[in-house]
């Protein structure tokens, strides 16, 4: 069973990138989702999110997340808002730390 959804991971990546003044495009976001999933599987032996990752010509893509941000095309995705939740009713601190570790690497 997956810990959260790819959309929630993507929103937290965007939030963290905004905090750090890192420009985030849709393709960059997709690659980071791939690394978050891969590292979670490698370290904990279970998926971080349940959505399928597909191999597209420019790299890995989670289709529903890609579709959510496709209007930005090759441009930076803006983020405005509070820190997103990772899990319902739980701050998901371990998952947020994992995402930050991936972004640090």
Protein backbone atom coordinates (compact mmCIF):
# COMPACT_ATOMS: atom_id res chain seq x y z
CA UNK A 1 0.00 0.00 0.00
CA UNK A 2 1.34 3.42 -0.95
CA UNK A 3 2.02 6.04 1.72
CA UNK A 4 0.50 9.01 -0.14
CA UNK A 5 -0.34 10.22 -3.65
CA UNK A 6 1.95 11.48 -6.40
CA UNK A 7 0.00 14.75 -6.47
CA UNK A 8 0.68 15.40 -2.79
CA UNK A 9 4.38 14.62 -3.27
CA UNK A 10 4.45 16.98 -6.27
CA UNK A 11 2.82 19.76 -4.27
CA UNK A 12 5.37 19.34 -1.50
CA UNK A 13 8.23 19.38 -4.02
CA UNK A 14 6.83 22.64 -5.44
CA UNK A 15 6.46 24.10 -1.94
CA UNK A 16 10.04 23.19 -1.02
CA UNK A 17 11.42 24.46 -4.34
CA UNK A 18 9.59 27.76 -3.79
CA UNK A 19 11.06 28.03 -0.26
CA UNK A 20 14.56 27.53 -1.70
CA UNK A 21 14.03 29.77 -4.75
CA UNK A 22 14.53 26.81 -7.09
CA UNK A 23 12.80 27.08 -10.45
CA UNK A 24 10.65 24.03 -11.13
CA UNK A 25 9.35 23.01 -14.56
CA UNK A 26 6.97 20.12 -15.18
CA UNK A 27 9.71 17.86 -16.56
CA UNK A 28 12.01 18.61 -13.63
CA UNK A 29 9.12 17.87 -11.27
CA UNK A 30 8.51 14.53 -13.01
CA UNK A 31 12.14 13.50 -12.60
CA UNK A 32 12.05 14.39 -8.91
CA UNK A 33 8.87 12.35 -8.44
CA UNK A 34 10.72 9.42 -10.01
CA UNK A 35 13.67 9.82 -7.63
CA UNK A 36 11.39 10.18 -4.60
CA UNK A 37 9.61 6.95 -5.55
CA UNK A 38 12.84 5.08 -6.36
CA UNK A 39 14.61 6.06 -3.15
CA UNK A 40 11.56 5.22 -1.05
CA UNK A 41 11.35 1.79 -2.67
CA UNK A 42 15.08 1.22 -2.21
CA UNK A 43 15.24 2.32 1.43
CA UNK A 44 11.87 1.15 2.78
CA UNK A 45 10.81 -1.58 0.34
CA UNK A 46 7.39 -0.07 -0.35
CA UNK A 47 6.04 2.56 -2.75
CA UNK A 48 5.73 6.19 -1.73
CA UNK A 49 2.78 6.68 -4.08
CA UNK A 50 0.60 4.31 -6.07
CA UNK A 51 0.43 6.07 -9.43
CA UNK A 52 2.27 4.53 -12.34
CA UNK A 53 5.47 6.09 -13.69
CA UNK A 54 5.81 5.87 -17.46
CA UNK A 55 8.93 6.16 -19.62
CA UNK A 56 8.40 9.10 -21.99
CA UNK A 57 10.84 10.48 -24.53
CA UNK A 58 12.12 13.22 -22.17
CA UNK A 59 12.20 11.04 -19.05
CA UNK A 60 9.93 9.52 -16.43
CA UNK A 61 6.39 10.88 -16.09
CA UNK A 62 3.46 10.35 -13.73
CA UNK A 63 0.69 11.07 -16.28
CA UNK A 64 -1.98 12.51 -13.94
CA UNK A 65 0.53 14.88 -12.33
CA UNK A 66 1.99 15.86 -15.69
CA UNK A 67 -1.51 16.65 -16.92
CA UNK A 68 -2.16 18.86 -13.90
CA UNK A 69 0.73 21.13 -14.83
CA UNK A 70 0.83 20.82 -18.62
CA UNK A 71 -0.47 24.36 -19.15
CA UNK A 72 2.92 25.63 -17.92
CA UNK A 73 4.64 23.81 -20.79
CA UNK A 74 8.42 24.47 -20.42
CA UNK A 75 7.91 27.38 -18.02
CA UNK A 76 8.41 27.51 -14.28
CA UNK A 77 5.45 26.27 -12.23
CA UNK A 78 4.43 28.92 -9.70
CA UNK A 79 3.56 27.93 -6.15
CA UNK A 80 1.41 30.02 -3.82
CA UNK A 81 -0.01 28.76 -0.60
CA UNK A 82 0.71 27.15 2.74
CA UNK A 83 2.76 24.02 3.33
CA UNK A 84 0.76 21.13 1.83
CA UNK A 85 -0.24 18.06 3.81
CA UNK A 86 1.20 14.72 2.76
CA UNK A 87 -1.32 12.52 4.55
CA UNK A 88 -4.89 13.20 5.72
CA UNK A 89 -4.89 14.19 9.37
CA UNK A 90 -1.16 13.63 9.75
CA UNK A 91 1.70 15.99 8.93
CA UNK A 92 3.69 13.14 7.31
CA UNK A 93 6.98 14.43 8.73
CA UNK A 94 8.97 11.31 7.74
CA UNK A 95 7.74 11.57 4.15
CA UNK A 96 8.50 15.30 4.01
CA UNK A 97 12.01 14.59 5.32
CA UNK A 98 12.43 11.95 2.63
CA UNK A 99 11.38 14.41 -0.10
CA UNK A 100 13.77 17.04 1.26
CA UNK A 101 16.60 14.47 1.29
CA UNK A 102 15.97 13.72 -2.38
CA UNK A 103 15.95 17.44 -3.22
CA UNK A 104 19.17 17.96 -1.24
CA UNK A 105 20.89 15.24 -3.26
